[in-house]
Amino acid sequence: MINRIKELFGASGSKSSSSPAAAPHTFDKKHIAAAALLVEAACLDAEFGAEERSAIRNIAATRFQLNEAEIDTLLELVAARQDQANQLFGFTHEIKQGFAPEERVEIMEMLWEVAYADGVLHDYEANLLRRVSGLLYVSDRDRGEARKRVLARLGIE
């Protein structure tokens, strides 16, 4: 599975392809899978707006400890492959198999941050988060608590 993900997000779609001497950044599988889910959540309301992009960039910087160039590359790789990578199960399976329950709840929290980045939770976004939490084996209670933490942090009532 990890080989498929690496192939899917290979360096062929990155900006660094214009400079052959530059070695492509190797992203952790958690970064790739989580970023793919975050971009999926951001695109569900038919617009990958500035608020969603900013929320994803903030998550990548603070939670994944990526620098600006690495964030740009990761976003470009994921966004360029978004239509082709519409395989939610593959990404959630990778996360479920490779990460502890607490880390899966943390990913749900990241998804809530992106879903609420524009201040509004759209029906499609809510549906995605319900499906993802089920696929990640995150309980309704943990998903709800993650949502409450994000709402409090963002000041949304």
C-alpha atoms as a PDB file:
ATOM      1  CA  MET A   1       0.000   0.000   0.000  1.00  0.00           C
ATOM      2  CA  ILE A   2       2.742   2.477   0.879  1.00  0.00           C
ATOM      3  CA  ASN A   3       4.355   1.899  -2.529  1.00  0.00           C
ATOM      4  CA  ARG A   4       1.049   2.764  -4.192  1.00  0.00           C
ATOM      5  CA  ILE A   5       0.801   5.979  -2.162  1.00  0.00           C
ATOM      6  CA  LYS A   6       4.410   6.904  -2.943  1.00  0.00           C
ATOM      7  CA  GLU A   7       3.746   6.262  -6.631  1.00  0.00           C
ATOM      8  CA  LEU A   8       0.528   8.279  -6.489  1.00  0.00           C
ATOM      9  CA  PHE A   9       2.309  11.259  -4.941  1.00  0.00           C
ATOM     10  CA  GLY A  10       5.612  10.803  -6.751  1.00  0.00           C
ATOM     11  CA  ALA A  11       7.859  13.706  -7.653  1.00  0.00           C
ATOM     12  CA  SER A  12       6.488  13.870 -11.192  1.00  0.00           C
ATOM     13  CA  GLY A  13       3.873  16.440 -10.149  1.00  0.00           C
ATOM     14  CA  SER A  14       6.104  18.669  -8.060  1.00  0.00           C
ATOM     15  CA  LYS A  15       7.677  22.016  -8.891  1.00  0.00           C
ATOM     16  CA  SER A  16      11.109  20.556  -8.232  1.00  0.00           C
ATOM     17  CA  SER A  17      10.867  18.617 -11.504  1.00  0.00           C
ATOM     18  CA  SER A  18      12.088  21.776 -13.254  1.00  0.00           C
ATOM     19  CA  SER A  19      15.415  21.448 -11.436  1.00  0.00           C
ATOM     20  CA  PRO A  20      16.642  17.882 -11.866  1.00  0.00           C
ATOM     21  CA  ALA A  21      19.440  18.326  -9.332  1.00  0.00           C
ATOM     22  CA  ALA A  22      16.973  18.982  -6.530  1.00  0.00           C
ATOM     23  CA  ALA A  23      16.115  15.841  -4.598  1.00  0.00           C
ATOM     24  CA  PRO A  24      12.388  15.459  -3.947  1.00  0.00           C
ATOM     25  CA  HIS A  25      11.364  15.618  -0.318  1.00  0.00           C
ATOM     26  CA  THR A  26      10.320  12.246   1.068  1.00  0.00           C
ATOM     27  CA  PHE A  27       7.171  12.758   3.084  1.00  0.00           C
ATOM     28  CA  ASP A  28       6.125  10.543   5.942  1.00  0.00           C
ATOM     29  CA  LYS A  29       3.153   8.358   4.993  1.00  0.00           C
ATOM     30  CA  LYS A  30       1.132  10.072   7.731  1.00  0.00           C
ATOM     31  CA  HIS A  31       1.752  13.449   6.098  1.00  0.00           C
ATOM     32  CA  ILE A  32       0.661  12.190   2.697  1.00  0.00           C
ATOM     33  CA  ALA A  33      -2.458  10.387   3.906  1.00  0.00           C
ATOM     34  CA  ALA A  34      -3.470  13.168   6.301  1.00  0.00           C
ATOM     35  CA  ALA A  35      -2.821  15.891   3.725  1.00  0.00           C
ATOM     36  CA  ALA A  36      -4.885  13.993   1.151  1.00  0.00           C
ATOM     37  CA  LEU A  37      -7.796  13.798   3.607  1.00  0.00           C
ATOM     38  CA  LEU A  38      -7.401  17.468   4.527  1.00  0.00           C
ATOM     39  CA  VAL A  39      -7.449  18.539   0.883  1.00  0.00           C
ATOM     40  CA  GLU A  40     -10.458  16.280   0.279  1.00  0.00           C
ATOM     41  CA  ALA A  41     -12.275  18.024   3.142  1.00  0.00           C
ATOM     42  CA  ALA A  42     -11.262  21.430   1.806  1.00  0.00           C
ATOM     43  CA  CYS A  43     -12.549  20.673  -1.695  1.00  0.00           C
ATOM     44  CA  LEU A  44     -15.943  19.272  -0.716  1.00  0.00           C
ATOM     45  CA  ASP A  45     -17.668  22.645  -0.730  1.00  0.00           C
ATOM     46  CA  ALA A  46     -16.546  23.039  -4.369  1.00  0.00           C
ATOM     47  CA  GLU A  47     -13.887  25.606  -3.470  1.00  0.00           C
ATOM     48  CA  PHE A  48     -10.368  25.144  -2.132  1.00  0.00           C
ATOM     49  CA  GLY A  49     -10.352  28.645  -0.708  1.00  0.00           C
ATOM     50  CA  ALA A  50      -7.746  30.727   1.038  1.00  0.00           C
ATOM     51  CA  GLU A  51      -9.122  29.860   4.491  1.00  0.00           C
ATOM     52  CA  GLU A  52      -8.852  26.101   3.895  1.00  0.00           C
ATOM     53  CA  ARG A  53      -5.434  26.426   2.320  1.00  0.00           C
ATOM     54  CA  SER A  54      -4.254  28.514   5.276  1.00  0.00           C
ATOM     55  CA  ALA A  55      -5.635  25.979   7.774  1.00  0.00           C
ATOM     56  CA  ILE A  56      -3.852  23.126   5.998  1.00  0.00           C
ATOM     57  CA  ARG A  57      -0.607  25.102   5.845  1.00  0.00           C
ATOM     58  CA  ASN A  58      -0.875  25.854   9.571  1.00  0.00           C
ATOM     59  CA  ILE A  59      -1.504  22.185  10.375  1.00  0.00           C
ATOM     60  CA  ALA A  60       1.442  21.081   8.238  1.00  0.00           C
ATOM     61  CA  ALA A  61       3.740  23.602   9.916  1.00  0.00           C
ATOM     62  CA  THR A  62       2.670  23.066  13.515  1.00  0.00           C
ATOM     63  CA  ARG A  63       1.755  19.387  13.622  1.00  0.00           C
ATOM     64  CA  PHE A  64       4.038  17.937  10.954  1.00  0.00           C
ATOM     65  CA  GLN A  65       6.932  20.399  11.539  1.00  0.00           C
ATOM     66  CA  LEU A  66       7.299  21.120   7.814  1.00  0.00           C
ATOM     67  CA  ASN A  67       8.909  24.285   6.496  1.00  0.00           C
ATOM     68  CA  GLU A  68       7.282  26.544   3.887  1.00  0.00           C
ATOM     69  CA  ALA A  69       8.971  24.867   0.908  1.00  0.00           C
ATOM     70  CA  GLU A  70       7.985  21.399   2.130  1.00  0.00           C
ATOM     71  CA  ILE A  71       4.402  22.559   2.701  1.00  0.00           C
ATOM     72  CA  ASP A  72       4.283  23.996  -0.824  1.00  0.00           C
ATOM     73  CA  THR A  73       5.543  20.725  -2.263  1.00  0.00           C
ATOM     74  CA  LEU A  74       3.166  18.609  -0.200  1.00  0.00           C
ATOM     75  CA  LEU A  75       0.145  20.741  -1.116  1.00  0.00           C
ATOM     76  CA  GLU A  76       1.101  20.752  -4.749  1.00  0.00           C
ATOM     77  CA  LEU A  77       1.524  16.982  -4.812  1.00  0.00           C
ATOM     78  CA  VAL A  78      -1.763  16.334  -3.084  1.00  0.00           C
ATOM     79  CA  ALA A  79      -3.793  18.966  -4.946  1.00  0.00           C
ATOM     80  CA  ALA A  80      -2.418  17.907  -8.329  1.00  0.00           C
ATOM     81  CA  ARG A  81      -3.499  14.334  -7.668  1.00  0.00           C
ATOM     82  CA  GLN A  82      -6.783  15.125  -5.914  1.00  0.00           C
ATOM     83  CA  ASP A  83      -9.051  13.967  -8.746  1.00  0.00           C
ATOM     84  CA  GLN A  84      -7.050  10.791  -9.287  1.00  0.00           C
ATOM     85  CA  ALA A  85      -6.644  10.064  -5.583  1.00  0.00           C
ATOM     86  CA  ASN A  86     -10.322   9.896  -4.747  1.00  0.00           C
ATOM     87  CA  GLN A  87      -9.750   6.705  -2.832  1.00  0.00           C
ATOM     88  CA  LEU A  88     -10.699   7.617   0.677  1.00  0.00           C
ATOM     89  CA  PHE A  89     -10.387   4.055   1.912  1.00  0.00           C
ATOM     90  CA  GLY A  90      -6.727   3.769   0.918  1.00  0.00           C
ATOM     91  CA  PHE A  91      -5.685   6.797   2.933  1.00  0.00           C
ATOM     92  CA  THR A  92      -7.836   5.983   5.944  1.00  0.00           C
ATOM     93  CA  HIS A  93      -6.634   2.383   5.885  1.00  0.00           C
ATOM     94  CA  GLU A  94      -3.019   3.551   5.944  1.00  0.00           C
ATOM     95  CA  ILE A  95      -3.722   5.791   8.922  1.00  0.00           C
ATOM     96  CA  LYS A  96      -5.778   3.164  10.764  1.00  0.00           C
ATOM     97  CA  GLN A  97      -3.126   0.496  10.350  1.00  0.00           C
ATOM     98  CA  GLY A  98      -0.124   2.633  11.120  1.00  0.00           C
ATOM     99  CA  PHE A  99      -1.144   4.943  13.920  1.00  0.00           C
ATOM    100  CA  ALA A 100      -2.358   4.804  17.484  1.00  0.00           C
ATOM    101  CA  PRO A 101      -5.955   5.684  18.381  1.00  0.00           C
ATOM    102  CA  GLU A 102      -4.859   9.034  19.853  1.00  0.00           C
ATOM    103  CA  GLU A 103      -3.150   9.967  16.587  1.00  0.00           C
ATOM    104  CA  ARG A 104      -6.282   9.060  14.641  1.00  0.00           C
ATOM    105  CA  VAL A 105      -8.321  11.361  16.895  1.00  0.00           C
ATOM    106  CA  GLU A 106      -5.709  14.053  16.211  1.00  0.00           C
ATOM    107  CA  ILE A 107      -6.253  13.606  12.474  1.00  0.00           C
ATOM    108  CA  MET A 108      -9.995  14.009  13.028  1.00  0.00           C
ATOM    109  CA  GLU A 109      -9.241  17.250  14.852  1.00  0.00           C
ATOM    110  CA  MET A 110      -7.172  18.422  11.881  1.00  0.00           C
ATOM    111  CA  LEU A 111     -10.070  17.605   9.574  1.00  0.00           C
ATOM    112  CA  TRP A 112     -12.450  19.637  11.748  1.00  0.00           C
ATOM    113  CA  GLU A 113     -10.009  22.569  11.557  1.00  0.00           C
ATOM    114  CA  VAL A 114     -10.123  22.480   7.768  1.00  0.00           C
ATOM    115  CA  ALA A 115     -13.886  21.948   7.630  1.00  0.00           C
ATOM    116  CA  TYR A 116     -14.467  24.993   9.838  1.00  0.00           C
ATOM    117  CA  ALA A 117     -11.706  27.121   8.276  1.00  0.00           C
ATOM    118  CA  ASP A 118     -14.268  29.218   6.418  1.00  0.00           C
ATOM    119  CA  GLY A 119     -16.488  29.419   9.503  1.00  0.00           C
ATOM    120  CA  VAL A 120     -19.192  27.156   8.053  1.00  0.00           C
ATOM    121  CA  LEU A 121     -19.612  23.389   8.176  1.00  0.00           C
ATOM    122  CA  HIS A 122     -21.114  22.260   4.882  1.00  0.00           C
ATOM    123  CA  ASP A 123     -23.216  19.096   4.659  1.00  0.00           C
ATOM    124  CA  TYR A 124     -20.652  17.364   2.438  1.00  0.00           C
ATOM    125  CA  GLU A 125     -17.885  18.165   4.906  1.00  0.00           C
ATOM    126  CA  ALA A 126     -19.916  16.810   7.826  1.00  0.00           C
ATOM    127  CA  ASN A 127     -20.647  13.670   5.824  1.00  0.00           C
ATOM    128  CA  LEU A 128     -16.968  13.177   5.014  1.00  0.00           C
ATOM    129  CA  LEU A 129     -15.954  13.542   8.644  1.00  0.00           C
ATOM    130  CA  ARG A 130     -18.555  10.977   9.723  1.00  0.00           C
ATOM    131  CA  ARG A 131     -17.319   8.529   7.090  1.00  0.00           C
ATOM    132  CA  VAL A 132     -13.647   9.120   7.875  1.00  0.00           C
ATOM    133  CA  SER A 133     -14.172   8.692  11.607  1.00  0.00           C
ATOM    134  CA  GLY A 134     -15.845   5.345  10.957  1.00  0.00           C
ATOM    135  CA  LEU A 135     -13.035   4.236   8.648  1.00  0.00           C
ATOM    136  CA  LEU A 136     -10.437   5.325  11.218  1.00  0.00           C
ATOM    137  CA  TYR A 137     -12.296   3.594  14.056  1.00  0.00           C
ATOM    138  CA  VAL A 138     -12.656   6.883  15.915  1.00  0.00           C
ATOM    139  CA  SER A 139     -15.713   6.795  18.163  1.00  0.00           C
ATOM    140  CA  ASP A 140     -18.560   9.277  17.817  1.00  0.00           C
ATOM    141  CA  ARG A 141     -17.637  10.587  21.253  1.00  0.00           C
ATOM    142  CA  ASP A 142     -13.981  11.187  20.312  1.00  0.00           C
ATOM    143  CA  ARG A 143     -15.025  12.765  17.008  1.00  0.00           C
ATOM    144  CA  GLY A 144     -17.436  15.065  18.868  1.00  0.00           C
ATOM    145  CA  GLU A 145     -14.831  16.029  21.443  1.00  0.00           C
ATOM    146  CA  ALA A 146     -12.329  16.802  18.679  1.00  0.00           C
ATOM    147  CA  ARG A 147     -14.975  18.998  17.054  1.00  0.00           C
ATOM    148  CA  LYS A 148     -15.632  20.835  20.324  1.00  0.00           C
ATOM    149  CA  ARG A 149     -11.904  21.509  20.812  1.00  0.00           C
ATOM    150  CA  VAL A 150     -11.677  22.994  17.324  1.00  0.00           C
ATOM    151  CA  LEU A 151     -14.811  25.111  17.766  1.00  0.00           C
ATOM    152  CA  ALA A 152     -13.443  26.464  21.035  1.00  0.00           C
ATOM    153  CA  ARG A 153     -10.034  27.160  19.509  1.00  0.00           C
ATOM    154  CA  LEU A 154     -11.604  28.951  16.526  1.00  0.00           C
ATOM    155  CA  GLY A 155     -14.127  30.837  18.661  1.00  0.00           C
ATOM    156  CA  ILE A 156     -17.116  29.401  16.779  1.00  0.00           C
ATOM    157  CA  GLU A 157     -20.283  28.690  18.746  1.00  0.00           C
END
